[in-house]
Amino acid sequence: MHKQGLTGADVAGAAAAKSEKIFAANRAVGSVAFSVKQVAGKTRRAAVHESGSLRVRCPGAPAAELEAVLINTAGGVAGGDRFSLDIAAGEGTHLSVTTAAAEKIYRARDDAATIAVKLDVAAAATLAWLPQETILFDRARLSRTIDVTLADDARIVLAEALVFGRSGMGESVEQGALLDRWRVRRDGRLIYAETVRLEGAIAQRLAEPAVANGGVAIATVLIVPGDEALVATLRALAAEGEVGASVWNGLTAVRLCAMDGATLRRDLVRVMTAARGSLPRLWTN
C-alpha cells in the first residue's frame, strides 16, 4: 500500500535514487604518489603517499634499480571508480614499476572507470613502466590517460597490454567503451601522442582487418630513446602473434596483437626482455 500522495512511479523513482546513492558510495577511489632518489649509487624511496585502495611496495634489497609493485586492494576496477598514479624517478635513478596482478575492469552500469597515470623521469634517470595486463570484461567502460614528462637524457620503457575478455574461460567482450590516451613530452615538447578509442560493438570492431583482425589481445611498447639496432632485434624475435616495430625521431614503438591473452603475454615477455634484458620478478614467477 503506497503512502498517501505518492504514485507508483514516485516510489520506484525513490528506490532507484536510493540504490544509485548506495552504489555511488561504494565506488572505489585511490591514489599513489611515489618518488625515488639516488643514494650512494642505489635507488631508494624518497616519498610515498597512499590513499584509498591503492598501495605501492618495494620488495627486495636496495639495488641500483628499485622495483616497485602497485597493489589495488579493491580487487578490480568497476564503473565510476577513480584511480590516480603519480610516479617520479629522481635524477640518476633507475626504477621499474609493475603490478601485483593483472587489473580487471568489470562491467559498468553507467559511468566509466577512470585511471590517470603521470610519470616524471628526471635527468639521467630510467623508468620502466611494466604493469601486468589490463583485462576488460563485457560492457566494461574505461577512460585512461598516461602523461609522461622526460628530461633531455632520461630513458623510459612504457608497456601496456589490453585483453578483451578471458578467452580461456569462454568469455568475450561484445559491448563496452575504452578511451586510452597517451602523451609523452621531452623538455616540455610533445614527442609522442596517441589515442585508442573503442566504443559500442567492440567485438565487431576488433574483428575488422584494419583493427585487430579477430584478435582480442593488444599491446603497445614505447621505448625512448630507440634506434634501428633495437628495431632489428625486435623484428627478429620469434613471435607467436603479430609483432611490429618501428623507429623515428629517436623513439621506438612496438605493436602487438594476438588471438588470446596467453599468446600476447609470451610475445610481450620476449619484446620486453629484448628491450631491457630483464623483467620484474612478478612477470616471471
C-alpha atoms as a PDB file:
ATOM      1  CA  MET A   1       0.000   0.000   0.000  1.00  0.00           C
ATOM      2  CA  HIS A   2       1.516   3.317  -1.075  1.00  0.00           C
ATOM      3  CA  LYS A   3       1.776   6.310   1.194  1.00  0.00           C
ATOM      4  CA  GLN A   4      -0.929   8.880   0.546  1.00  0.00           C
ATOM      5  CA  GLY A   5       0.005  11.270  -2.255  1.00  0.00           C
ATOM      6  CA  LEU A   6       2.728   9.040  -3.713  1.00  0.00           C
ATOM      7  CA  THR A   7       2.281   7.274  -7.009  1.00  0.00           C
ATOM      8  CA  GLY A   8       3.903   4.015  -8.013  1.00  0.00           C
ATOM      9  CA  ALA A   9       6.282   5.983 -10.183  1.00  0.00           C
ATOM     10  CA  ASP A  10       7.284   8.137  -7.196  1.00  0.00           C
ATOM     11  CA  VAL A  11       8.053   5.083  -5.089  1.00  0.00           C
ATOM     12  CA  ALA A  12      10.016   3.444  -7.891  1.00  0.00           C
ATOM     13  CA  GLY A  13      11.964   6.653  -8.502  1.00  0.00           C
ATOM     14  CA  ALA A  14      12.840   6.995  -4.812  1.00  0.00           C
ATOM     15  CA  ALA A  15      14.000   3.380  -4.695  1.00  0.00           C
ATOM     16  CA  ALA A  16      16.164   3.884  -7.775  1.00  0.00           C
ATOM     17  CA  ALA A  17      17.686   7.052  -6.305  1.00  0.00           C
ATOM     18  CA  LYS A  18      18.466   5.227  -3.057  1.00  0.00           C
ATOM     19  CA  SER A  19      20.047   2.355  -4.972  1.00  0.00           C
ATOM     20  CA  GLU A  20      22.170   4.746  -7.012  1.00  0.00           C
ATOM     21  CA  LYS A  21      23.279   6.573  -3.844  1.00  0.00           C
ATOM     22  CA  ILE A  22      24.379   3.285  -2.268  1.00  0.00           C
ATOM     23  CA  PHE A  23      26.174   2.272  -5.474  1.00  0.00           C
ATOM     24  CA  ALA A  24      27.978   5.639  -5.678  1.00  0.00           C
ATOM     25  CA  ALA A  25      29.092   5.363  -2.052  1.00  0.00           C
ATOM     26  CA  ASN A  26      30.773   2.058  -2.831  1.00  0.00           C
ATOM     27  CA  ARG A  27      32.784   3.289  -5.809  1.00  0.00           C
ATOM     28  CA  ALA A  28      36.492   2.969  -5.162  1.00  0.00           C
ATOM     29  CA  VAL A  29      38.812   5.967  -5.120  1.00  0.00           C
ATOM     30  CA  GLY A  30      42.547   5.512  -4.754  1.00  0.00           C
ATOM     31  CA  SER A  31      45.810   7.299  -5.395  1.00  0.00           C
ATOM     32  CA  VAL A  32      49.546   6.747  -5.092  1.00  0.00           C
ATOM     33  CA  ALA A  33      52.202   9.456  -5.254  1.00  0.00           C
ATOM     34  CA  PHE A  34      55.631   7.866  -5.224  1.00  0.00           C
ATOM     35  CA  SER A  35      59.111   9.269  -5.839  1.00  0.00           C
ATOM     36  CA  VAL A  36      62.616   7.818  -5.696  1.00  0.00           C
ATOM     37  CA  LYS A  37      66.101   9.251  -5.226  1.00  0.00           C
ATOM     38  CA  GLN A  38      69.661   8.072  -5.692  1.00  0.00           C
ATOM     39  CA  VAL A  39      71.716   7.373  -2.567  1.00  0.00           C
ATOM     40  CA  ALA A  40      75.291   6.081  -2.932  1.00  0.00           C
ATOM     41  CA  GLY A  41      74.592   4.558  -6.324  1.00  0.00           C
ATOM     42  CA  LYS A  42      71.361   2.866  -5.254  1.00  0.00           C
ATOM     43  CA  THR A  43      67.761   3.881  -5.927  1.00  0.00           C
ATOM     44  CA  ARG A  44      65.702   4.344  -2.790  1.00  0.00           C
ATOM     45  CA  ARG A  45      62.250   5.601  -1.916  1.00  0.00           C
ATOM     46  CA  ALA A  46      62.099   9.348  -1.401  1.00  0.00           C
ATOM     47  CA  ALA A  47      58.409   9.938  -0.651  1.00  0.00           C
ATOM     48  CA  VAL A  48      55.285   7.783  -0.638  1.00  0.00           C
ATOM     49  CA  HIS A  49      51.669   8.866  -0.299  1.00  0.00           C
ATOM     50  CA  GLU A  50      48.843   6.318  -0.493  1.00  0.00           C
ATOM     51  CA  SER A  51      45.103   6.776  -0.209  1.00  0.00           C
ATOM     52  CA  GLY A  52      42.045   4.655  -0.775  1.00  0.00           C
ATOM     53  CA  SER A  53      42.611   1.199  -2.199  1.00  0.00           C
ATOM     54  CA  LEU A  54      45.985   1.759  -3.887  1.00  0.00           C
ATOM     55  CA  ARG A  55      49.300   0.719  -2.361  1.00  0.00           C
ATOM     56  CA  VAL A  56      52.925   0.570  -3.520  1.00  0.00           C
ATOM     57  CA  ARG A  57      55.510  -1.851  -2.145  1.00  0.00           C
ATOM     58  CA  CYS A  58      59.234  -2.267  -2.872  1.00  0.00           C
ATOM     59  CA  PRO A  59      60.326  -5.862  -2.160  1.00  0.00           C
ATOM     60  CA  GLY A  60      63.951  -6.899  -2.218  1.00  0.00           C
ATOM     61  CA  ALA A  61      67.201  -5.399  -1.011  1.00  0.00           C
ATOM     62  CA  PRO A  62      68.379  -1.941  -2.137  1.00  0.00           C
ATOM     63  CA  ALA A  63      69.980  -2.058  -5.573  1.00  0.00           C
ATOM     64  CA  ALA A  64      70.912   0.155  -8.487  1.00  0.00           C
ATOM     65  CA  GLU A  65      67.383  -0.391  -9.833  1.00  0.00           C
ATOM     66  CA  LEU A  66      64.446  -0.286  -7.452  1.00  0.00           C
ATOM     67  CA  GLU A  67      61.456  -2.497  -8.239  1.00  0.00           C
ATOM     68  CA  ALA A  68      58.077  -1.131  -7.148  1.00  0.00           C
ATOM     69  CA  VAL A  69      54.837  -3.119  -7.127  1.00  0.00           C
ATOM     70  CA  LEU A  70      51.419  -1.460  -7.304  1.00  0.00           C
ATOM     71  CA  ILE A  71      48.555  -3.162  -5.466  1.00  0.00           C
ATOM     72  CA  ASN A  72      44.837  -2.465  -5.791  1.00  0.00           C
ATOM     73  CA  THR A  73      43.187  -3.787  -2.641  1.00  0.00           C
ATOM     74  CA  ALA A  74      39.743  -3.189  -4.174  1.00  0.00           C
ATOM     75  CA  GLY A  75      40.282  -6.374  -6.174  1.00  0.00           C
ATOM     76  CA  GLY A  76      39.462  -4.815  -9.528  1.00  0.00           C
ATOM     77  CA  VAL A  77      38.011  -1.708 -11.145  1.00  0.00           C
ATOM     78  CA  ALA A  78      34.292  -1.058 -11.587  1.00  0.00           C
ATOM     79  CA  GLY A  79      32.274   1.670 -13.258  1.00  0.00           C
ATOM     80  CA  GLY A  80      32.722   5.036 -11.560  1.00  0.00           C
ATOM     81  CA  ASP A  81      35.931   4.055  -9.746  1.00  0.00           C
ATOM     82  CA  ARG A  82      38.661   6.701  -9.873  1.00  0.00           C
ATOM     83  CA  PHE A  83      42.382   5.992  -9.550  1.00  0.00           C
ATOM     84  CA  SER A  84      45.432   8.201  -9.940  1.00  0.00           C
ATOM     85  CA  LEU A  85      49.123   7.319 -10.010  1.00  0.00           C
ATOM     86  CA  ASP A  86      51.933   9.872  -9.847  1.00  0.00           C
ATOM     87  CA  ILE A  87      55.402   8.336 -10.190  1.00  0.00           C
ATOM     88  CA  ALA A  88      58.611  10.405 -10.171  1.00  0.00           C
ATOM     89  CA  ALA A  89      62.075   8.998 -10.890  1.00  0.00           C
ATOM     90  CA  GLY A  90      64.602  11.440  -9.476  1.00  0.00           C
ATOM     91  CA  GLU A  91      67.902  12.408 -11.058  1.00  0.00           C
ATOM     92  CA  GLY A  92      70.142   9.439 -11.825  1.00  0.00           C
ATOM     93  CA  THR A  93      67.698   6.833 -10.519  1.00  0.00           C
ATOM     94  CA  HIS A  94      66.639   3.524 -12.042  1.00  0.00           C
ATOM     95  CA  LEU A  95      63.081   2.423 -11.313  1.00  0.00           C
ATOM     96  CA  SER A  96      60.843  -0.342 -12.606  1.00  0.00           C
ATOM     97  CA  VAL A  97      57.133  -0.373 -11.779  1.00  0.00           C
ATOM     98  CA  THR A  98      54.783  -3.320 -12.179  1.00  0.00           C
ATOM     99  CA  THR A  99      51.531  -4.581 -10.661  1.00  0.00           C
ATOM    100  CA  ALA A 100      50.869  -7.462  -8.300  1.00  0.00           C
ATOM    101  CA  ALA A 101      48.410  -8.995 -10.773  1.00  0.00           C
ATOM    102  CA  ALA A 102      46.506  -8.300 -13.956  1.00  0.00           C
ATOM    103  CA  GLU A 103      43.998  -5.481 -13.417  1.00  0.00           C
ATOM    104  CA  LYS A 104      40.382  -6.420 -14.112  1.00  0.00           C
ATOM    105  CA  ILE A 105      37.906  -3.838 -15.421  1.00  0.00           C
ATOM    106  CA  TYR A 106      34.397  -5.024 -14.613  1.00  0.00           C
ATOM    107  CA  ARG A 107      31.050  -4.229 -16.214  1.00  0.00           C
ATOM    108  CA  ALA A 108      29.896  -0.650 -15.644  1.00  0.00           C
ATOM    109  CA  ARG A 109      26.306   0.371 -15.030  1.00  0.00           C
ATOM    110  CA  ASP A 110      26.835   3.884 -16.353  1.00  0.00           C
ATOM    111  CA  ASP A 111      29.969   5.938 -15.601  1.00  0.00           C
ATOM    112  CA  ALA A 112      33.336   4.830 -16.908  1.00  0.00           C
ATOM    113  CA  ALA A 113      36.147   3.951 -14.544  1.00  0.00           C
ATOM    114  CA  THR A 114      38.963   6.487 -14.776  1.00  0.00           C
ATOM    115  CA  ILE A 115      42.684   5.880 -14.337  1.00  0.00           C
ATOM    116  CA  ALA A 116      45.130   8.786 -14.557  1.00  0.00           C
ATOM    117  CA  VAL A 117      48.853   7.980 -14.720  1.00  0.00           C
ATOM    118  CA  LYS A 118      51.599  10.608 -14.511  1.00  0.00           C
ATOM    119  CA  LEU A 119      55.232   9.595 -14.969  1.00  0.00           C
ATOM    120  CA  ASP A 120      58.087  12.063 -14.442  1.00  0.00           C
ATOM    121  CA  VAL A 121      61.624  10.970 -15.331  1.00  0.00           C
ATOM    122  CA  ALA A 122      64.424  13.349 -14.347  1.00  0.00           C
ATOM    123  CA  ALA A 123      67.896  13.846 -15.823  1.00  0.00           C
ATOM    124  CA  ALA A 124      69.943  10.654 -16.337  1.00  0.00           C
ATOM    125  CA  ALA A 125      67.100   8.578 -14.860  1.00  0.00           C
ATOM    126  CA  THR A 126      65.483   5.430 -16.260  1.00  0.00           C
ATOM    127  CA  LEU A 127      61.890   4.326 -15.697  1.00  0.00           C
ATOM    128  CA  ALA A 128      60.370   1.041 -16.821  1.00  0.00           C
ATOM    129  CA  TRP A 129      56.562   1.131 -16.624  1.00  0.00           C
ATOM    130  CA  LEU A 130      55.630  -2.563 -16.920  1.00  0.00           C
ATOM    131  CA  PRO A 131      52.219  -3.310 -15.388  1.00  0.00           C
ATOM    132  CA  GLN A 132      50.687  -6.699 -15.990  1.00  0.00           C
ATOM    133  CA  GLU A 133      47.741  -6.955 -18.368  1.00  0.00           C
ATOM    134  CA  THR A 134      44.531  -4.954 -18.099  1.00  0.00           C
ATOM    135  CA  ILE A 135      41.595  -7.322 -18.676  1.00  0.00           C
ATOM    136  CA  LEU A 136      38.293  -5.818 -19.771  1.00  0.00           C
ATOM    137  CA  PHE A 137      35.044  -7.665 -19.124  1.00  0.00           C
ATOM    138  CA  ASP A 138      31.930  -7.402 -21.274  1.00  0.00           C
ATOM    139  CA  ARG A 139      30.293  -3.948 -21.028  1.00  0.00           C
ATOM    140  CA  ALA A 140      33.254  -2.513 -19.136  1.00  0.00           C
ATOM    141  CA  ARG A 141      33.866   1.208 -19.529  1.00  0.00           C
ATOM    142  CA  LEU A 142      37.372   2.586 -19.020  1.00  0.00           C
ATOM    143  CA  SER A 143      38.927   6.002 -19.580  1.00  0.00           C
ATOM    144  CA  ARG A 144      42.693   6.040 -19.024  1.00  0.00           C
ATOM    145  CA  THR A 145      45.285   8.767 -19.503  1.00  0.00           C
ATOM    146  CA  ILE A 146      49.058   8.330 -19.376  1.00  0.00           C
ATOM    147  CA  ASP A 147      51.109  11.531 -19.293  1.00  0.00           C
ATOM    148  CA  VAL A 148      54.904  11.252 -19.372  1.00  0.00           C
ATOM    149  CA  THR A 149      57.442  14.019 -18.768  1.00  0.00           C
ATOM    150  CA  LEU A 150      61.063  13.282 -19.690  1.00  0.00           C
ATOM    151  CA  ALA A 151      64.264  15.208 -19.132  1.00  0.00           C
ATOM    152  CA  ASP A 152      66.501  15.534 -22.178  1.00  0.00           C
ATOM    153  CA  ASP A 153      68.626  12.468 -21.343  1.00  0.00           C
ATOM    154  CA  ALA A 154      66.002  10.442 -19.472  1.00  0.00           C
ATOM    155  CA  ARG A 155      65.054   6.953 -20.612  1.00  0.00           C
ATOM    156  CA  ILE A 156      61.719   5.125 -20.470  1.00  0.00           C
ATOM    157  CA  VAL A 157      60.250   1.775 -21.422  1.00  0.00           C
ATOM    158  CA  LEU A 158      56.462   2.032 -21.343  1.00  0.00           C
ATOM    159  CA  ALA A 159      54.413  -1.143 -21.894  1.00  0.00           C
ATOM    160  CA  GLU A 160      50.648  -1.593 -21.642  1.00  0.00           C
ATOM    161  CA  ALA A 161      48.638  -4.670 -22.613  1.00  0.00           C
ATOM    162  CA  LEU A 162      44.861  -4.873 -23.052  1.00  0.00           C
ATOM    163  CA  VAL A 163      42.937  -8.149 -23.121  1.00  0.00           C
ATOM    164  CA  PHE A 164      39.277  -8.121 -24.128  1.00  0.00           C
ATOM    165  CA  GLY A 165      37.737 -10.969 -22.153  1.00  0.00           C
ATOM    166  CA  ARG A 166      39.264 -14.136 -20.757  1.00  0.00           C
ATOM    167  CA  SER A 167      39.023 -16.422 -23.774  1.00  0.00           C
ATOM    168  CA  GLY A 168      40.344 -19.378 -21.757  1.00  0.00           C
ATOM    169  CA  MET A 169      37.178 -19.157 -19.651  1.00  0.00           C
ATOM    170  CA  GLY A 170      34.883 -18.727 -22.629  1.00  0.00           C
ATOM    171  CA  GLU A 171      34.394 -15.003 -22.022  1.00  0.00           C
ATOM    172  CA  SER A 172      34.264 -12.307 -24.676  1.00  0.00           C
ATOM    173  CA  VAL A 173      33.679  -8.564 -24.830  1.00  0.00           C
ATOM    174  CA  GLU A 174      30.746  -7.823 -27.107  1.00  0.00           C
ATOM    175  CA  GLN A 175      29.993  -4.290 -25.921  1.00  0.00           C
ATOM    176  CA  GLY A 176      31.850  -1.664 -23.926  1.00  0.00           C
ATOM    177  CA  ALA A 177      33.901   1.509 -24.096  1.00  0.00           C
ATOM    178  CA  LEU A 178      37.634   2.192 -23.999  1.00  0.00           C
ATOM    179  CA  LEU A 179      39.418   5.511 -24.243  1.00  0.00           C
ATOM    180  CA  ASP A 180      43.193   5.200 -23.833  1.00  0.00           C
ATOM    181  CA  ARG A 181      45.157   8.455 -24.268  1.00  0.00           C
ATOM    182  CA  TRP A 182      48.989   8.686 -24.160  1.00  0.00           C
ATOM    183  CA  ARG A 183      51.078  11.856 -24.264  1.00  0.00           C
ATOM    184  CA  VAL A 184      54.889  11.918 -23.907  1.00  0.00           C
ATOM    185  CA  ARG A 185      56.878  15.153 -23.609  1.00  0.00           C
ATOM    186  CA  ARG A 186      60.617  15.728 -23.527  1.00  0.00           C
ATOM    187  CA  ASP A 187      61.753  19.047 -22.054  1.00  0.00           C
ATOM    188  CA  GLY A 188      58.164  20.257 -22.438  1.00  0.00           C
ATOM    189  CA  ARG A 189      57.940  19.359 -26.140  1.00  0.00           C
ATOM    190  CA  LEU A 190      55.396  16.784 -27.272  1.00  0.00           C
ATOM    191  CA  ILE A 191      57.233  13.856 -28.903  1.00  0.00           C
ATOM    192  CA  TYR A 192      54.580  11.138 -28.885  1.00  0.00           C
ATOM    193  CA  ALA A 193      50.773  11.168 -28.842  1.00  0.00           C
ATOM    194  CA  GLU A 194      48.183   8.524 -29.452  1.00  0.00           C
ATOM    195  CA  THR A 195      44.589   7.815 -28.524  1.00  0.00           C
ATOM    196  CA  VAL A 196      42.799   4.488 -28.819  1.00  0.00           C
ATOM    197  CA  ARG A 197      39.018   4.653 -28.746  1.00  0.00           C
ATOM    198  CA  LEU A 198      36.664   1.678 -28.974  1.00  0.00           C
ATOM    199  CA  GLU A 199      33.020   2.171 -28.141  1.00  0.00           C
ATOM    200  CA  GLY A 200      29.857   0.187 -28.629  1.00  0.00           C
ATOM    201  CA  ALA A 201      30.229  -3.086 -30.527  1.00  0.00           C
ATOM    202  CA  ILE A 202      33.836  -3.804 -29.523  1.00  0.00           C
ATOM    203  CA  ALA A 203      33.873  -7.423 -30.764  1.00  0.00           C
ATOM    204  CA  GLN A 204      32.696  -6.260 -34.159  1.00  0.00           C
ATOM    205  CA  ARG A 205      35.393  -3.586 -34.325  1.00  0.00           C
ATOM    206  CA  LEU A 206      38.164  -5.961 -33.254  1.00  0.00           C
ATOM    207  CA  ALA A 207      37.113  -8.391 -35.967  1.00  0.00           C
ATOM    208  CA  GLU A 208      37.846  -5.817 -38.686  1.00  0.00           C
ATOM    209  CA  PRO A 209      41.116  -6.470 -40.594  1.00  0.00           C
ATOM    210  CA  ALA A 210      42.326  -2.896 -40.075  1.00  0.00           C
ATOM    211  CA  VAL A 211      41.759  -3.065 -36.302  1.00  0.00           C
ATOM    212  CA  ALA A 212      42.764  -6.453 -34.827  1.00  0.00           C
ATOM    213  CA  ASN A 213      41.670  -8.956 -37.494  1.00  0.00           C
ATOM    214  CA  GLY A 214      39.859 -11.019 -34.881  1.00  0.00           C
ATOM    215  CA  GLY A 215      42.480 -10.663 -32.167  1.00  0.00           C
ATOM    216  CA  VAL A 216      41.326  -9.957 -28.622  1.00  0.00           C
ATOM    217  CA  ALA A 217      44.652  -9.016 -27.020  1.00  0.00           C
ATOM    218  CA  ILE A 218      46.750  -5.985 -27.945  1.00  0.00           C
ATOM    219  CA  ALA A 219      49.748  -4.177 -26.506  1.00  0.00           C
ATOM    220  CA  THR A 220      51.959  -1.185 -27.144  1.00  0.00           C
ATOM    221  CA  VAL A 221      55.563  -0.796 -26.008  1.00  0.00           C
ATOM    222  CA  LEU A 222      57.233   2.616 -26.289  1.00  0.00           C
ATOM    223  CA  ILE A 223      60.999   2.875 -25.848  1.00  0.00           C
ATOM    224  CA  VAL A 224      62.767   6.233 -25.571  1.00  0.00           C
ATOM    225  CA  PRO A 225      65.433   6.518 -26.806  1.00  0.00           C
ATOM    226  CA  GLY A 226      65.152   3.910 -29.531  1.00  0.00           C
ATOM    227  CA  ASP A 227      67.276   3.125 -32.575  1.00  0.00           C
ATOM    228  CA  GLU A 228      67.491   0.958 -35.684  1.00  0.00           C
ATOM    229  CA  ALA A 229      69.591  -1.702 -33.947  1.00  0.00           C
ATOM    230  CA  LEU A 230      66.875  -2.244 -31.336  1.00  0.00           C
ATOM    231  CA  VAL A 231      64.173  -2.423 -34.006  1.00  0.00           C
ATOM    232  CA  ALA A 232      66.199  -5.006 -35.947  1.00  0.00           C
ATOM    233  CA  THR A 233      66.475  -7.115 -32.790  1.00  0.00           C
ATOM    234  CA  LEU A 234      62.742  -6.865 -32.115  1.00  0.00           C
ATOM    235  CA  ARG A 235      61.828  -7.740 -35.690  1.00  0.00           C
ATOM    236  CA  ALA A 236      63.987 -10.881 -35.481  1.00  0.00           C
ATOM    237  CA  LEU A 237      62.069 -12.254 -32.479  1.00  0.00           C
ATOM    238  CA  ALA A 238      60.129 -15.497 -32.952  1.00  0.00           C
ATOM    239  CA  ALA A 239      56.641 -14.184 -32.232  1.00  0.00           C
ATOM    240  CA  GLU A 240      53.520 -16.336 -31.889  1.00  0.00           C
ATOM    241  CA  GLY A 241      51.147 -13.475 -32.675  1.00  0.00           C
ATOM    242  CA  GLU A 242      51.726 -10.312 -34.656  1.00  0.00           C
ATOM    243  CA  VAL A 243      54.560  -8.003 -33.599  1.00  0.00           C
ATOM    244  CA  GLY A 244      55.595  -4.879 -35.500  1.00  0.00           C
ATOM    245  CA  ALA A 245      58.313  -2.386 -34.575  1.00  0.00           C
ATOM    246  CA  SER A 246      59.314   0.991 -35.993  1.00  0.00           C
ATOM    247  CA  VAL A 247      61.702   3.815 -35.116  1.00  0.00           C
ATOM    248  CA  TRP A 248      61.563   7.533 -35.822  1.00  0.00           C
ATOM    249  CA  ASN A 249      62.822  10.726 -34.186  1.00  0.00           C
ATOM    250  CA  GLY A 250      64.767   8.755 -31.597  1.00  0.00           C
ATOM    251  CA  LEU A 251      61.927   6.620 -30.246  1.00  0.00           C
ATOM    252  CA  THR A 252      60.792   3.048 -30.878  1.00  0.00           C
ATOM    253  CA  ALA A 253      57.173   1.865 -30.878  1.00  0.00           C
ATOM    254  CA  VAL A 254      56.189  -1.790 -30.841  1.00  0.00           C
ATOM    255  CA  ARG A 255      52.653  -3.036 -31.537  1.00  0.00           C
ATOM    256  CA  LEU A 256      51.478  -6.497 -30.567  1.00  0.00           C
ATOM    257  CA  CYS A 257      48.256  -8.311 -31.415  1.00  0.00           C
ATOM    258  CA  ALA A 258      47.228 -11.862 -30.537  1.00  0.00           C
ATOM    259  CA  MET A 259      44.218 -14.146 -30.578  1.00  0.00           C
ATOM    260  CA  ASP A 260      44.340 -14.626 -26.799  1.00  0.00           C
ATOM    261  CA  GLY A 261      45.934 -13.170 -23.693  1.00  0.00           C
ATOM    262  CA  ALA A 262      48.366 -16.035 -23.110  1.00  0.00           C
ATOM    263  CA  THR A 263      49.903 -15.643 -26.569  1.00  0.00           C
ATOM    264  CA  LEU A 264      50.156 -11.892 -26.122  1.00  0.00           C
ATOM    265  CA  ARG A 265      51.913 -12.302 -22.785  1.00  0.00           C
ATOM    266  CA  ARG A 266      54.528 -14.657 -24.221  1.00  0.00           C
ATOM    267  CA  ASP A 267      55.253 -12.242 -27.072  1.00  0.00           C
ATOM    268  CA  LEU A 268      55.322  -9.290 -24.687  1.00  0.00           C
ATOM    269  CA  VAL A 269      57.845 -11.055 -22.451  1.00  0.00           C
ATOM    270  CA  ARG A 270      60.080 -11.587 -25.489  1.00  0.00           C
ATOM    271  CA  VAL A 271      59.833  -7.939 -26.503  1.00  0.00           C
ATOM    272  CA  MET A 272      60.458  -6.527 -23.031  1.00  0.00           C
ATOM    273  CA  THR A 273      63.368  -8.904 -22.387  1.00  0.00           C
ATOM    274  CA  ALA A 274      64.973  -7.820 -25.661  1.00  0.00           C
ATOM    275  CA  ALA A 275      64.395  -4.145 -24.830  1.00  0.00           C
ATOM    276  CA  ARG A 276      65.567  -4.298 -21.210  1.00  0.00           C
ATOM    277  CA  GLY A 277      67.436  -7.536 -20.646  1.00  0.00           C
ATOM    278  CA  SER A 278      65.353  -8.320 -17.561  1.00  0.00           C
ATOM    279  CA  LEU A 279      61.783  -8.295 -16.273  1.00  0.00           C
ATOM    280  CA  PRO A 280      60.171  -7.651 -12.878  1.00  0.00           C
ATOM    281  CA  ARG A 281      60.116 -10.826 -10.831  1.00  0.00           C
ATOM    282  CA  LEU A 282      56.310 -10.949 -10.801  1.00  0.00           C
ATOM    283  CA  TRP A 283      56.321 -11.288 -14.593  1.00  0.00           C
ATOM    284  CA  THR A 284      58.365 -14.476 -14.438  1.00  0.00           C
ATOM    285  CA  ASN A 285      57.024 -16.146 -11.261  1.00  0.00           C
END
